[in-house]
Amino acid sequence: MRYVVDSIGGRSGGDAWQAAVTETYFPLDTDYRSRREFSGVLETWNLGLIGVSKMRCGGVSYRRHRRHFLNERDASLLITVPETSEVHFSQGSRTVACAPGGFIVERGDAPYEFWHGRPNALWVLKVPSASVRSRIGATERLSALSFDATRGVAALFLDTVRTTIGHIDEIDAAAREMMGRHILDMLCLSIVSDERVLNSSVSSIRAGHLHRAEQYIRDNLKDPALGPQAVAEACGISLRYLQGLFQDSDASIVGFIRDSRLDHCAEELMSATNTATIAEIAYRWGFADQSQFSKHYRARFGRSPSDTRREAVARAGSRH
């Protein structure tokens, strides 16, 4: 999809850019450094779970208010990569500036402001919060952080995004979805080693233990025997201490295991190319009781597993 807005002079032109941004990401309010001189081009591509876009536009600010997401069921993150000039982002108590060579993480389920005063070119990825959460933990830890993308896995992550889009017309839907998952995995790898993503509400030692426990759980979710005692033994800590760690982070270990499994199930159900049955997906991620699985799934996501699958099929059909 390609949107072009040239020579904005009146409010109708501004509305056209805001409509394009809203359709691509989610509802936002826009304001322009110069409405008369503003112009923009927005190109979008679908890679299964994630959306990728390239934006070239004049100075602009975007505001996401609580009214914009009150009725949204699927929380998303935006990963923004400036290529021409610096961008600024404010969410909660954090404000960050990000120059070319870095990227920032924006939570779509909380109010924020994003702006750049000069013309800019941006790569933007829209990714499901649940998919990031299932890989590296709570997304609240990531909000308004700027990451160095000039080296290591982060640089490889961005190179892969650019290369994939460069060959997008040569690959089919299944390959696009596979590359989307690969890019998502690389994104998570590029940020998970940053100590700022550890839970900051507890001491560094306890945060380290909690991080290791969460990672062990994520690595062993398919094991039906996974439970609090198994996690405590694997991490070399007592069950009481483990339970205390999760209480410090406003969660329970049983709830964390269940919700992590549900996040993975949701990701598979959102795939238009996954041919496994709902029961097979649930069983693969540790749910032996289908009625309990459906109950917990609806409580977490506000809809049934079959609703998620139908919506995924409908979205895939609308793109062709």
Protein backbone atom coordinates (compact mmCIF):
# COMPACT_ATOMS: atom_id res chain seq x y z
CA MET A 1 0.00 0.00 0.00
CA ARG A 2 1.25 3.48 -0.85
CA TYR A 3 -0.15 6.79 0.42
CA VAL A 4 0.93 10.13 -1.03
CA VAL A 5 -0.06 13.53 0.39
CA ASP A 6 1.33 16.60 -1.41
CA SER A 7 1.33 20.28 -0.57
CA ILE A 8 -1.00 20.34 2.39
CA GLY A 9 -2.67 23.73 2.51
CA GLY A 10 -5.99 23.07 4.18
CA ARG A 11 -7.42 20.84 6.86
CA SER A 12 -8.61 18.26 4.34
CA GLY A 13 -5.01 17.50 3.35
CA GLY A 14 -4.00 17.15 6.98
CA ASP A 15 -6.86 14.77 7.53
CA ALA A 16 -5.63 12.65 4.60
CA TRP A 17 -2.22 12.14 6.23
CA GLN A 18 -3.79 11.44 9.60
CA ALA A 19 -6.12 8.89 7.97
CA ALA A 20 -3.17 7.13 6.32
CA VAL A 21 -1.24 6.95 9.59
CA THR A 22 -4.31 5.75 11.48
CA GLU A 23 -5.01 3.01 8.94
CA THR A 24 -1.38 1.86 9.01
CA TYR A 25 -0.79 1.91 12.78
CA PHE A 26 -3.72 2.95 14.99
CA PRO A 27 -5.72 6.12 15.78
CA LEU A 28 -3.58 9.19 16.42
CA ASP A 29 -3.94 12.97 16.39
CA THR A 30 -1.55 14.87 14.13
CA ASP A 31 -0.16 18.38 14.13
CA TYR A 32 2.17 19.87 11.51
CA ARG A 33 5.15 22.19 11.71
CA SER A 34 3.85 23.78 8.50
CA ARG A 35 0.49 22.63 7.23
CA ARG A 36 0.94 24.65 4.03
CA GLU A 37 4.31 23.09 3.15
CA PHE A 38 3.79 19.56 4.51
CA SER A 39 4.01 16.57 2.19
CA GLY A 40 4.46 12.90 2.88
CA VAL A 41 4.74 9.43 1.39
CA LEU A 42 3.88 6.32 3.38
CA GLU A 43 4.52 2.81 2.03
CA THR A 44 3.40 -0.31 3.88
CA TRP A 45 4.11 -4.05 3.64
CA ASN A 46 2.73 -7.03 5.52
CA LEU A 47 5.00 -9.73 6.93
CA GLY A 48 2.47 -11.91 8.71
CA LEU A 49 2.54 -10.96 12.38
CA ILE A 50 4.32 -7.69 11.79
CA GLY A 51 3.72 -4.69 9.59
CA VAL A 52 6.61 -2.74 8.07
CA SER A 53 6.36 0.79 6.72
CA LYS A 54 8.63 3.47 5.29
CA MET A 55 7.61 7.05 5.91
CA ARG A 56 9.03 10.21 4.32
CA CYS A 57 7.43 13.43 5.48
CA GLY A 58 7.86 16.95 6.80
CA GLY A 59 7.90 18.04 10.43
CA VAL A 60 4.99 16.56 12.35
CA SER A 61 3.86 15.50 15.81
CA TYR A 62 1.58 12.60 16.74
CA ARG A 63 -0.38 12.23 19.96
CA ARG A 64 -1.95 9.03 21.18
CA HIS A 65 -4.63 9.72 23.78
CA ARG A 66 -6.44 7.29 26.07
CA ARG A 67 -9.62 7.70 24.07
CA HIS A 68 -7.80 6.27 21.06
CA PHE A 69 -7.31 2.82 22.59
CA LEU A 70 -10.12 2.39 25.12
CA ASN A 71 -11.90 -0.14 22.89
CA GLU A 72 -8.86 -1.82 21.35
CA ARG A 73 -8.36 -5.50 22.12
CA ASP A 74 -4.93 -6.08 20.56
CA ALA A 75 -2.09 -4.02 22.00
CA SER A 76 0.81 -3.23 19.68
CA LEU A 77 4.31 -1.78 19.83
CA LEU A 78 5.81 0.53 17.24
CA ILE A 79 9.53 0.25 16.57
CA THR A 80 10.66 3.50 14.94
CA VAL A 81 13.99 3.88 13.14
CA PRO A 82 14.89 7.44 12.05
CA GLU A 83 17.12 7.68 8.97
CA THR A 84 17.42 11.40 8.25
CA SER A 85 17.01 13.47 11.41
CA GLU A 86 16.40 13.13 15.13
CA VAL A 87 13.02 12.15 16.55
CA HIS A 88 11.59 12.73 20.02
CA PHE A 89 9.25 10.54 22.03
CA SER A 90 7.52 10.98 25.39
CA GLN A 91 5.51 8.33 27.24
CA GLY A 92 4.74 8.15 30.93
CA SER A 93 7.66 9.62 32.88
CA ARG A 94 10.20 9.10 30.08
CA THR A 95 11.24 11.40 27.24
CA VAL A 96 13.87 10.29 24.75
CA ALA A 97 15.59 11.67 21.66
CA CYS A 98 16.76 9.20 19.02
CA ALA A 99 19.14 10.11 16.20
CA PRO A 100 19.75 8.10 13.02
CA GLY A 101 21.59 4.95 13.97
CA GLY A 102 19.16 4.01 16.74
CA PHE A 103 15.58 2.92 17.26
CA ILE A 104 12.93 3.53 19.89
CA VAL A 105 10.06 1.45 21.27
CA GLU A 106 6.58 2.96 21.58
CA ARG A 107 3.72 1.28 23.45
CA GLY A 108 0.38 1.66 21.73
CA ASP A 109 -1.62 0.88 24.88
CA ALA A 110 -0.63 4.04 26.76
CA PRO A 111 -0.78 7.76 25.88
CA TYR A 112 2.28 9.22 24.17
CA GLU A 113 3.65 12.01 21.99
CA PHE A 114 6.07 11.53 19.08
CA TRP A 115 7.52 14.36 17.00
CA HIS A 116 10.25 15.54 14.65
CA GLY A 117 10.58 19.17 13.60
CA ARG A 118 12.56 18.58 10.40
CA PRO A 119 11.80 16.48 7.32
CA ASN A 120 12.57 12.85 8.02
CA ALA A 121 12.62 9.33 6.65
CA LEU A 122 11.56 6.60 9.07
CA TRP A 123 11.23 2.86 9.12
CA VAL A 124 8.39 1.80 11.43
CA LEU A 125 7.51 -1.75 12.51
CA LYS A 126 4.18 -2.56 14.13
CA VAL A 127 4.42 -5.72 16.24
CA PRO A 128 1.91 -7.41 18.58
CA SER A 129 2.72 -6.73 22.22
CA ALA A 130 1.82 -10.33 23.07
CA SER A 131 4.42 -11.67 20.63
CA VAL A 132 7.17 -9.53 22.16
CA ARG A 133 6.00 -10.36 25.67
CA SER A 134 6.14 -14.09 24.95
CA ARG A 135 9.80 -13.72 23.94
CA ILE A 136 11.31 -11.23 26.38
CA GLY A 137 8.77 -10.40 29.08
CA ALA A 138 6.71 -7.38 30.05
CA THR A 139 6.59 -4.71 27.35
CA GLU A 140 6.17 -1.95 29.94
CA ARG A 141 9.92 -2.21 30.50
CA LEU A 142 10.63 -1.17 26.92
CA SER A 143 8.59 2.02 26.67
CA ALA A 144 10.54 5.10 25.51
CA LEU A 145 13.93 3.39 25.42
CA SER A 146 16.41 4.21 22.66
CA PHE A 147 18.64 1.39 21.38
CA ASP A 148 21.90 1.55 19.45
CA ALA A 149 21.40 -0.02 16.02
CA THR A 150 24.85 0.59 14.55
CA ARG A 151 26.38 -2.74 15.56
CA GLY A 152 25.71 -6.26 16.70
CA VAL A 153 22.35 -7.97 16.46
CA ALA A 154 20.48 -4.64 16.26
CA ALA A 155 22.37 -3.66 13.11
CA LEU A 156 21.68 -7.10 11.63
CA PHE A 157 18.02 -6.72 12.55
CA LEU A 158 17.71 -3.47 10.58
CA ASP A 159 19.71 -4.83 7.64
CA THR A 160 17.31 -7.77 7.51
CA VAL A 161 14.29 -5.45 7.46
CA ARG A 162 15.72 -3.45 4.56
CA THR A 163 16.82 -6.54 2.62
CA THR A 164 13.47 -8.28 3.09
CA ILE A 165 11.51 -5.28 1.83
CA GLY A 166 13.91 -5.03 -1.11
CA HIS A 167 12.88 -8.56 -2.16
CA ILE A 168 9.26 -8.43 -1.01
CA ASP A 169 7.81 -8.85 -4.50
CA GLU A 170 9.80 -12.06 -5.02
CA ILE A 171 8.49 -14.02 -2.01
CA ASP A 172 5.09 -15.59 -1.36
CA ALA A 173 2.80 -15.17 1.65
CA ALA A 174 4.30 -18.08 3.59
CA ALA A 175 7.83 -16.76 3.12
CA ARG A 176 6.73 -13.27 4.14
CA GLU A 177 5.23 -14.63 7.33
CA MET A 178 8.39 -16.62 8.06
CA MET A 179 10.55 -13.52 7.56
CA GLY A 180 8.23 -11.56 9.83
CA ARG A 181 8.83 -14.06 12.63
CA HIS A 182 12.57 -14.00 11.94
CA ILE A 183 12.65 -10.19 12.12
CA LEU A 184 10.59 -10.28 15.33
CA ASP A 185 13.04 -12.75 16.90
CA MET A 186 15.99 -10.58 15.89
CA LEU A 187 14.32 -7.47 17.28
CA CYS A 188 13.82 -9.19 20.63
CA LEU A 189 17.40 -10.46 20.67
CA SER A 190 18.67 -6.96 19.99
CA ILE A 191 16.98 -5.52 23.11
CA VAL A 192 16.84 -8.39 25.59
CA SER A 193 20.47 -8.03 26.72
CA ASP A 194 19.98 -4.39 27.72
CA GLU A 195 19.86 -4.20 31.52
CA ARG A 196 17.16 -1.52 31.32
CA VAL A 197 14.60 -4.16 30.31
CA LEU A 198 15.00 -5.92 33.65
CA ASN A 199 12.24 -5.28 36.16
CA SER A 200 13.22 -1.99 37.79
CA SER A 201 10.77 -2.31 40.69
CA VAL A 202 13.04 -4.71 42.57
CA SER A 203 16.72 -4.79 43.48
CA SER A 204 19.26 -5.69 40.80
CA ILE A 205 19.94 -9.08 42.39
CA ARG A 206 16.27 -9.98 42.64
CA ALA A 207 15.68 -8.58 39.14
CA GLY A 208 18.42 -10.87 37.85
CA HIS A 209 16.84 -13.91 39.52
CA LEU A 210 13.43 -12.93 38.14
CA HIS A 211 14.83 -12.49 34.64
CA ARG A 212 16.47 -15.94 34.75
CA ALA A 213 13.26 -17.53 36.04
CA GLU A 214 11.20 -15.88 33.30
CA GLN A 215 13.68 -17.00 30.65
CA TYR A 216 13.64 -20.58 31.93
CA ILE A 217 9.85 -20.54 31.74
CA ARG A 218 9.88 -19.18 28.18
CA ASP A 219 12.40 -21.85 27.15
CA ASN A 220 10.33 -24.69 28.62
CA LEU A 221 6.71 -23.67 28.02
CA LYS A 222 5.96 -26.76 25.94
CA ASP A 223 6.92 -29.07 28.81
CA PRO A 224 3.64 -30.16 30.46
CA ALA A 225 5.56 -30.76 33.71
CA LEU A 226 6.63 -27.12 33.94
CA GLY A 227 5.54 -25.67 37.26
CA PRO A 228 6.77 -23.49 40.13
CA GLN A 229 8.83 -26.24 41.79
CA ALA A 230 10.57 -27.15 38.52
CA VAL A 231 11.44 -23.49 37.90
CA ALA A 232 12.79 -23.00 41.43
CA GLU A 233 14.99 -26.08 41.18
CA ALA A 234 16.30 -25.10 37.75
CA CYS A 235 17.21 -21.61 39.01
CA GLY A 236 18.75 -22.85 42.26
CA ILE A 237 16.41 -20.88 44.51
CA SER A 238 13.71 -21.85 46.98
CA LEU A 239 10.05 -22.02 45.97
CA ARG A 240 9.17 -19.36 48.55
CA TYR A 241 11.84 -17.00 47.18
CA LEU A 242 10.63 -17.61 43.62
CA GLN A 243 7.04 -16.85 44.56
CA GLY A 244 8.21 -13.66 46.25
CA LEU A 245 10.00 -12.54 43.08
CA PHE A 246 6.81 -12.73 41.07
CA GLN A 247 4.81 -11.02 43.81
CA ASP A 248 7.31 -8.14 43.64
CA SER A 249 6.48 -7.77 39.95
CA ASP A 250 2.71 -7.82 40.61
CA ALA A 251 2.24 -11.33 39.17
CA SER A 252 2.09 -14.96 40.25
CA ILE A 253 4.35 -17.59 38.79
CA VAL A 254 1.39 -19.81 37.88
CA GLY A 255 -0.26 -16.87 36.15
CA PHE A 256 2.96 -15.97 34.33
CA ILE A 257 3.31 -19.53 32.98
CA ARG A 258 -0.33 -19.64 31.88
CA ASP A 259 -0.27 -16.20 30.25
CA SER A 260 3.01 -16.94 28.46
CA ARG A 261 1.46 -20.09 26.99
CA LEU A 262 -1.63 -18.13 25.97
CA ASP A 263 0.52 -15.53 24.21
CA HIS A 264 2.17 -18.24 22.11
CA CYS A 265 -1.20 -19.80 21.30
CA ALA A 266 -2.51 -16.42 20.20
CA GLU A 267 0.49 -15.89 17.95
CA GLU A 268 -0.10 -19.22 16.21
CA LEU A 269 -3.82 -18.54 15.88
CA MET A 270 -3.07 -15.16 14.26
CA SER A 271 -1.08 -16.90 11.55
CA ALA A 272 -3.06 -17.30 8.34
CA THR A 273 -0.74 -20.11 7.19
CA ASN A 274 -0.84 -22.24 10.36
CA THR A 275 -2.95 -25.32 9.60
CA ALA A 276 -2.91 -26.89 13.08
CA THR A 277 -6.26 -27.17 14.84
CA ILE A 278 -7.02 -25.05 17.88
CA ALA A 279 -6.83 -28.16 20.06
CA GLU A 280 -3.42 -29.08 18.63
CA ILE A 281 -2.07 -25.59 19.27
CA ALA A 282 -3.38 -25.57 22.84
CA TYR A 283 -1.94 -29.00 23.58
CA ARG A 284 1.43 -28.07 22.06
CA TRP A 285 1.71 -25.18 24.52
CA GLY A 286 0.81 -27.18 27.60
CA PHE A 287 -3.00 -26.99 27.82
CA ALA A 288 -4.52 -30.43 28.30
CA ASP A 289 -8.03 -29.20 29.18
CA GLN A 290 -9.65 -27.49 26.17
CA SER A 291 -12.49 -25.91 28.13
CA GLN A 292 -10.03 -24.34 30.59
CA PHE A 293 -7.87 -23.18 27.71
CA SER A 294 -10.81 -21.44 26.04
CA LYS A 295 -11.88 -19.87 29.33
CA HIS A 296 -8.41 -18.47 30.06
CA TYR A 297 -7.94 -17.37 26.44
CA ARG A 298 -11.16 -15.36 26.45
CA ALA A 299 -10.28 -13.79 29.80
CA ARG A 300 -6.88 -12.68 28.49
CA PHE A 301 -7.78 -11.53 24.98
CA GLY A 302 -11.49 -10.72 25.15
CA ARG A 303 -12.47 -13.20 22.45
CA SER A 304 -12.42 -16.93 21.79
CA PRO A 305 -9.60 -18.82 20.04
CA SER A 306 -11.90 -19.45 17.06
CA ASP A 307 -12.64 -15.70 16.85
CA THR A 308 -8.90 -15.01 16.60
CA ARG A 309 -8.50 -17.56 13.84
CA ARG A 310 -11.48 -16.21 11.86
CA GLU A 311 -10.15 -12.66 12.13
CA ALA A 312 -6.71 -13.78 10.91
CA VAL A 313 -8.23 -15.50 7.88
CA ALA A 314 -10.39 -12.45 7.14
CA ARG A 315 -7.40 -10.09 7.33
CA ALA A 316 -5.36 -12.31 5.01
CA GLY A 317 -8.24 -12.40 2.51
CA SER A 318 -8.60 -8.62 2.53
CA ARG A 319 -4.97 -8.19 1.48
CA HIS A 320 -5.41 -10.12 -1.76
